[in-house]
Amino acid sequence: AKRRCNFKDNSSVVEECMASETNKLVQMNLAGPGFPIKTLNVFFRFEDKGAQTVVTMEMQTTMRMGPIGWLMAKTVIPGKLKSVQKMILDALNEYSKTPAFQTRGQGDATPVVAINN
């Protein structure tokens, strides 16, 4: 599945679901103009812990701009990715507390991950 996400600042990114295993794994590739990052592979892993689901998120990058991109990958990008990762996981945590999630998951520990075509 693939979709383009357009942001308020007129930038955009293309998300592509590369792999999915229900209640275990979602792997996505993100690419788009305006990114100093050429590609960003994101892995979400889900582990059922009884009353909770533990979500682990990992990001791997390929940079543009040769040596400058390499330097950015070592200095600036890790902090940016960490803040984005925290924002995504916090939002997922908040969503898991909503009635929409509870109804959809029937209140169990099953994670709900929607990837639009």
N, C-alpha and C. Protein backbone atom coordinates (compact mmCIF):
# COMPACT_ATOMS: atom_id res chain seq x y z
N ALA A 1 0.85 -1.17 0.00
CA ALA A 1 0.00 0.00 0.00
C ALA A 1 0.90 1.24 0.00
N LYS A 2 0.47 2.27 -0.70
CA LYS A 2 1.26 3.49 -0.82
C LYS A 2 0.31 4.69 -0.74
N ARG A 3 0.77 5.76 -0.07
CA ARG A 3 -0.02 7.00 -0.04
C ARG A 3 0.92 8.19 0.08
N ARG A 4 0.44 9.35 -0.40
CA ARG A 4 1.17 10.61 -0.25
C ARG A 4 0.52 11.39 0.88
N CYS A 5 1.35 11.88 1.79
CA CYS A 5 0.88 12.71 2.90
C CYS A 5 1.32 14.13 2.63
N ASN A 6 0.37 15.06 2.59
CA ASN A 6 0.65 16.47 2.37
C ASN A 6 0.53 17.20 3.70
N PHE A 7 1.51 18.05 4.00
CA PHE A 7 1.56 18.75 5.27
C PHE A 7 1.20 20.22 5.10
N LYS A 8 0.90 20.88 6.22
CA LYS A 8 0.48 22.28 6.20
C LYS A 8 1.53 23.21 5.61
N ASP A 9 2.81 22.84 5.71
CA ASP A 9 3.88 23.69 5.17
C ASP A 9 4.12 23.44 3.68
N ASN A 10 3.20 22.74 3.02
CA ASN A 10 3.25 22.40 1.59
C ASN A 10 4.29 21.34 1.25
N SER A 11 4.93 20.74 2.22
CA SER A 11 5.82 19.62 1.94
C SER A 11 4.98 18.35 1.90
N SER A 12 5.58 17.28 1.43
CA SER A 12 4.87 16.01 1.38
C SER A 12 5.86 14.87 1.51
N VAL A 13 5.32 13.71 1.79
CA VAL A 13 6.12 12.50 1.90
C VAL A 13 5.28 11.35 1.35
N VAL A 14 5.93 10.38 0.76
CA VAL A 14 5.25 9.19 0.27
C VAL A 14 5.53 8.06 1.25
N GLU A 15 4.46 7.48 1.79
CA GLU A 15 4.57 6.34 2.68
C GLU A 15 4.26 5.08 1.88
N GLU A 16 5.07 4.07 2.06
CA GLU A 16 4.81 2.78 1.41
C GLU A 16 4.96 1.68 2.45
N CYS A 17 3.92 0.86 2.59
CA CYS A 17 3.98 -0.27 3.50
C CYS A 17 4.77 -1.38 2.81
N MET A 18 5.89 -1.74 3.40
CA MET A 18 6.79 -2.74 2.81
C MET A 18 6.50 -4.15 3.34
N ALA A 19 6.04 -4.24 4.58
CA ALA A 19 5.74 -5.54 5.18
C ALA A 19 4.75 -5.34 6.31
N SER A 20 3.93 -6.35 6.52
CA SER A 20 2.96 -6.30 7.59
C SER A 20 2.65 -7.71 8.06
N GLU A 21 2.70 -7.89 9.35
CA GLU A 21 2.31 -9.16 9.95
C GLU A 21 1.37 -8.80 11.10
N THR A 22 0.11 -9.17 10.99
CA THR A 22 -0.92 -8.77 11.93
C THR A 22 -0.48 -8.97 13.38
N ASN A 23 -0.62 -7.90 14.15
CA ASN A 23 -0.31 -7.87 15.58
C ASN A 23 1.16 -8.12 15.91
N LYS A 24 2.05 -8.07 14.91
CA LYS A 24 3.47 -8.31 15.18
C LYS A 24 4.39 -7.25 14.59
N LEU A 25 4.16 -6.85 13.32
CA LEU A 25 5.13 -6.00 12.63
C LEU A 25 4.47 -5.17 11.54
N VAL A 26 4.91 -3.93 11.41
CA VAL A 26 4.61 -3.09 10.25
C VAL A 26 5.91 -2.43 9.86
N GLN A 27 6.29 -2.55 8.59
CA GLN A 27 7.50 -1.89 8.08
C GLN A 27 7.07 -0.92 6.99
N MET A 28 7.52 0.34 7.12
CA MET A 28 7.16 1.37 6.15
C MET A 28 8.42 2.03 5.63
N ASN A 29 8.35 2.49 4.39
CA ASN A 29 9.42 3.27 3.77
C ASN A 29 8.84 4.66 3.50
N LEU A 30 9.54 5.70 3.93
CA LEU A 30 9.11 7.08 3.70
C LEU A 30 10.12 7.76 2.80
N ALA A 31 9.63 8.47 1.80
CA ALA A 31 10.50 9.23 0.91
C ALA A 31 9.74 10.45 0.41
N GLY A 32 10.49 11.51 0.09
CA GLY A 32 9.80 12.68 -0.44
C GLY A 32 10.73 13.84 -0.69
N PRO A 33 10.33 14.72 -1.56
CA PRO A 33 11.12 15.91 -1.82
C PRO A 33 11.16 16.80 -0.58
N GLY A 34 12.25 17.50 -0.41
CA GLY A 34 12.38 18.38 0.74
C GLY A 34 12.97 17.67 1.95
N PHE A 35 13.05 16.38 1.91
CA PHE A 35 13.67 15.61 2.98
C PHE A 35 15.18 15.67 2.80
N PRO A 36 15.95 15.98 3.83
CA PRO A 36 17.40 15.79 3.70
C PRO A 36 17.72 14.29 3.71
N ILE A 37 16.71 13.53 4.14
CA ILE A 37 16.84 12.08 4.18
C ILE A 37 16.30 11.51 2.87
N LYS A 38 17.10 10.71 2.21
CA LYS A 38 16.67 10.10 0.95
C LYS A 38 15.58 9.06 1.21
N THR A 39 15.82 8.16 2.13
CA THR A 39 14.80 7.19 2.53
C THR A 39 14.84 7.02 4.04
N LEU A 40 13.68 6.73 4.58
CA LEU A 40 13.54 6.47 6.01
C LEU A 40 12.71 5.20 6.14
N ASN A 41 13.34 4.14 6.62
CA ASN A 41 12.63 2.89 6.87
C ASN A 41 12.22 2.86 8.33
N VAL A 42 10.94 2.61 8.57
CA VAL A 42 10.40 2.60 9.92
C VAL A 42 9.82 1.21 10.20
N PHE A 43 10.21 0.66 11.34
CA PHE A 43 9.71 -0.64 11.76
C PHE A 43 8.93 -0.46 13.06
N PHE A 44 7.70 -0.93 13.08
CA PHE A 44 6.91 -0.99 14.30
C PHE A 44 6.78 -2.47 14.67
N ARG A 45 7.18 -2.82 15.88
CA ARG A 45 7.02 -4.20 16.36
C ARG A 45 6.08 -4.17 17.55
N PHE A 46 5.17 -5.14 17.59
CA PHE A 46 4.16 -5.21 18.64
C PHE A 46 4.34 -6.49 19.43
N GLU A 47 4.35 -6.37 20.76
CA GLU A 47 4.50 -7.54 21.63
C GLU A 47 3.40 -7.52 22.67
N ASP A 48 2.58 -8.56 22.67
CA ASP A 48 1.48 -8.68 23.62
C ASP A 48 2.03 -9.00 25.00
N LYS A 49 1.71 -8.14 25.96
CA LYS A 49 2.15 -8.34 27.35
C LYS A 49 0.93 -8.44 28.26
N GLY A 50 -0.03 -9.27 27.88
CA GLY A 50 -1.24 -9.44 28.69
C GLY A 50 -2.18 -8.28 28.50
N ALA A 51 -2.27 -7.41 29.51
CA ALA A 51 -3.19 -6.27 29.45
C ALA A 51 -2.64 -5.11 28.62
N GLN A 52 -1.41 -5.21 28.16
CA GLN A 52 -0.80 -4.13 27.39
C GLN A 52 -0.13 -4.69 26.15
N THR A 53 0.06 -3.81 25.18
CA THR A 53 0.85 -4.14 24.00
C THR A 53 2.06 -3.22 24.01
N VAL A 54 3.25 -3.79 23.95
CA VAL A 54 4.48 -3.01 23.90
C VAL A 54 4.79 -2.74 22.43
N VAL A 55 4.94 -1.46 22.09
CA VAL A 55 5.25 -1.05 20.73
C VAL A 55 6.69 -0.58 20.68
N THR A 56 7.48 -1.18 19.80
CA THR A 56 8.86 -0.78 19.60
C THR A 56 8.97 -0.18 18.20
N MET A 57 9.62 0.96 18.10
CA MET A 57 9.76 1.65 16.82
C MET A 57 11.25 1.84 16.53
N GLU A 58 11.66 1.46 15.32
CA GLU A 58 13.05 1.60 14.90
C GLU A 58 13.07 2.35 13.57
N MET A 59 14.04 3.23 13.39
CA MET A 59 14.18 3.98 12.15
C MET A 59 15.58 3.81 11.58
N GLN A 60 15.65 3.60 10.26
CA GLN A 60 16.93 3.51 9.55
C GLN A 60 16.89 4.50 8.40
N THR A 61 17.96 5.28 8.23
CA THR A 61 17.98 6.33 7.22
C THR A 61 19.05 6.11 6.15
N THR A 62 18.77 6.66 4.96
CA THR A 62 19.76 6.83 3.90
C THR A 62 19.71 8.32 3.57
N MET A 63 20.88 8.97 3.61
CA MET A 63 20.92 10.42 3.46
C MET A 63 21.24 10.84 2.02
N ARG A 64 20.81 12.06 1.69
CA ARG A 64 21.21 12.74 0.45
C ARG A 64 22.41 13.63 0.77
N MET A 65 22.96 14.27 -0.21
CA MET A 65 23.96 15.34 -0.09
C MET A 65 25.36 14.87 0.30
N GLY A 66 25.73 13.63 -0.03
CA GLY A 66 27.10 13.16 0.14
C GLY A 66 27.67 13.36 1.53
N PRO A 67 28.88 13.95 1.62
CA PRO A 67 29.53 14.12 2.93
C PRO A 67 28.74 15.02 3.89
N ILE A 68 28.02 15.99 3.35
CA ILE A 68 27.20 16.86 4.21
C ILE A 68 26.07 16.04 4.82
N GLY A 69 25.44 15.18 4.00
CA GLY A 69 24.39 14.29 4.50
C GLY A 69 24.92 13.34 5.56
N TRP A 70 26.13 12.80 5.32
CA TRP A 70 26.75 11.90 6.29
C TRP A 70 26.95 12.63 7.62
N LEU A 71 27.45 13.87 7.57
CA LEU A 71 27.68 14.65 8.77
C LEU A 71 26.35 14.94 9.49
N MET A 72 25.33 15.28 8.73
CA MET A 72 24.00 15.52 9.32
C MET A 72 23.48 14.26 10.00
N ALA A 73 23.71 13.10 9.37
CA ALA A 73 23.25 11.82 9.93
C ALA A 73 23.92 11.52 11.27
N LYS A 74 25.12 12.03 11.45
CA LYS A 74 25.86 11.78 12.69
C LYS A 74 25.57 12.83 13.77
N THR A 75 25.06 14.01 13.39
CA THR A 75 24.91 15.09 14.36
C THR A 75 23.46 15.53 14.56
N VAL A 76 22.80 15.99 13.51
CA VAL A 76 21.48 16.61 13.62
C VAL A 76 20.34 15.60 13.58
N ILE A 77 20.41 14.66 12.66
CA ILE A 77 19.29 13.77 12.38
C ILE A 77 18.89 12.89 13.56
N PRO A 78 19.83 12.30 14.33
CA PRO A 78 19.39 11.45 15.45
C PRO A 78 18.45 12.16 16.43
N GLY A 79 18.74 13.41 16.76
CA GLY A 79 17.87 14.16 17.66
C GLY A 79 16.51 14.43 17.05
N LYS A 80 16.50 14.77 15.77
CA LYS A 80 15.23 15.01 15.08
C LYS A 80 14.39 13.74 15.04
N LEU A 81 15.02 12.62 14.68
CA LEU A 81 14.29 11.35 14.61
C LEU A 81 13.76 10.93 15.97
N LYS A 82 14.55 11.18 17.01
CA LYS A 82 14.12 10.82 18.36
C LYS A 82 12.88 11.62 18.75
N SER A 83 12.83 12.92 18.40
CA SER A 83 11.65 13.73 18.73
C SER A 83 10.43 13.29 17.91
N VAL A 84 10.64 12.94 16.65
CA VAL A 84 9.53 12.44 15.82
C VAL A 84 9.03 11.11 16.36
N GLN A 85 9.96 10.24 16.72
CA GLN A 85 9.60 8.94 17.28
C GLN A 85 8.78 9.10 18.56
N LYS A 86 9.20 9.99 19.43
CA LYS A 86 8.45 10.23 20.67
C LYS A 86 7.05 10.75 20.37
N MET A 87 6.94 11.67 19.42
CA MET A 87 5.65 12.23 19.05
C MET A 87 4.72 11.13 18.53
N ILE A 88 5.23 10.25 17.65
CA ILE A 88 4.41 9.18 17.08
C ILE A 88 3.97 8.20 18.16
N LEU A 89 4.90 7.77 19.00
CA LEU A 89 4.55 6.80 20.04
C LEU A 89 3.62 7.40 21.09
N ASP A 90 3.80 8.67 21.42
CA ASP A 90 2.88 9.34 22.35
C ASP A 90 1.48 9.42 21.75
N ALA A 91 1.40 9.74 20.45
CA ALA A 91 0.09 9.82 19.78
C ALA A 91 -0.57 8.44 19.73
N LEU A 92 0.20 7.40 19.46
CA LEU A 92 -0.34 6.04 19.45
C LEU A 92 -0.84 5.65 20.84
N ASN A 93 -0.08 6.01 21.86
CA ASN A 93 -0.49 5.74 23.23
C ASN A 93 -1.80 6.46 23.56
N GLU A 94 -1.91 7.73 23.20
CA GLU A 94 -3.14 8.48 23.45
C GLU A 94 -4.32 7.89 22.67
N TYR A 95 -4.08 7.52 21.41
CA TYR A 95 -5.15 6.92 20.60
C TYR A 95 -5.64 5.62 21.23
N SER A 96 -4.72 4.85 21.83
CA SER A 96 -5.11 3.56 22.42
C SER A 96 -6.07 3.74 23.60
N LYS A 97 -6.16 4.95 24.14
CA LYS A 97 -7.05 5.23 25.27
C LYS A 97 -8.42 5.74 24.83
N THR A 98 -8.62 5.97 23.54
CA THR A 98 -9.87 6.54 23.05
C THR A 98 -10.96 5.47 22.91
N PRO A 99 -12.23 5.88 22.96
CA PRO A 99 -13.31 4.92 22.74
C PRO A 99 -13.24 4.26 21.36
N ALA A 100 -12.77 4.99 20.35
CA ALA A 100 -12.67 4.41 19.00
C ALA A 100 -11.73 3.21 19.00
N PHE A 101 -10.62 3.32 19.69
CA PHE A 101 -9.67 2.19 19.78
C PHE A 101 -10.26 1.07 20.61
N GLN A 102 -10.82 1.41 21.76
CA GLN A 102 -11.35 0.39 22.67
C GLN A 102 -12.47 -0.41 22.00
N THR A 103 -13.33 0.26 21.25
CA THR A 103 -14.41 -0.43 20.55
C THR A 103 -13.85 -1.31 19.45
N ARG A 104 -12.92 -0.77 18.69
CA ARG A 104 -12.36 -1.51 17.56
C ARG A 104 -11.56 -2.71 18.03
N GLY A 105 -10.80 -2.56 19.11
CA GLY A 105 -10.00 -3.66 19.63
C GLY A 105 -10.74 -4.50 20.64
N GLN A 106 -12.04 -4.20 20.84
CA GLN A 106 -12.86 -4.91 21.81
C GLN A 106 -12.25 -4.89 23.21
N GLY A 107 -11.43 -3.85 23.50
CA GLY A 107 -10.87 -3.68 24.83
C GLY A 107 -9.74 -4.63 25.17
N ASP A 108 -9.28 -5.44 24.20
CA ASP A 108 -8.20 -6.36 24.52
C ASP A 108 -6.85 -5.74 24.18
N ALA A 109 -5.79 -6.51 24.21
CA ALA A 109 -4.44 -5.98 24.00
C ALA A 109 -4.04 -5.99 22.53
N THR A 110 -4.98 -6.23 21.64
CA THR A 110 -4.67 -6.31 20.22
C THR A 110 -4.41 -4.91 19.67
N PRO A 111 -3.23 -4.66 19.12
CA PRO A 111 -2.98 -3.33 18.54
C PRO A 111 -3.78 -3.13 17.26
N VAL A 112 -4.18 -1.91 17.03
CA VAL A 112 -4.90 -1.56 15.80
C VAL A 112 -3.99 -0.65 15.00
N VAL A 113 -3.58 -1.08 13.81
CA VAL A 113 -2.72 -0.29 12.95
C VAL A 113 -3.40 -0.18 11.60
N ALA A 114 -3.69 1.02 11.15
CA ALA A 114 -4.38 1.22 9.88
C ALA A 114 -3.39 1.77 8.86
N ILE A 115 -3.25 1.09 7.75
CA ILE A 115 -2.43 1.56 6.63
C ILE A 115 -3.39 1.76 5.47
N ASN A 116 -3.55 3.00 5.05
CA ASN A 116 -4.47 3.29 3.95
C ASN A 116 -3.82 3.05 2.61
N ASN A 117 -4.61 2.55 1.66
CA ASN A 117 -4.11 2.34 0.29
C ASN A 117 -4.04 3.66 -0.44
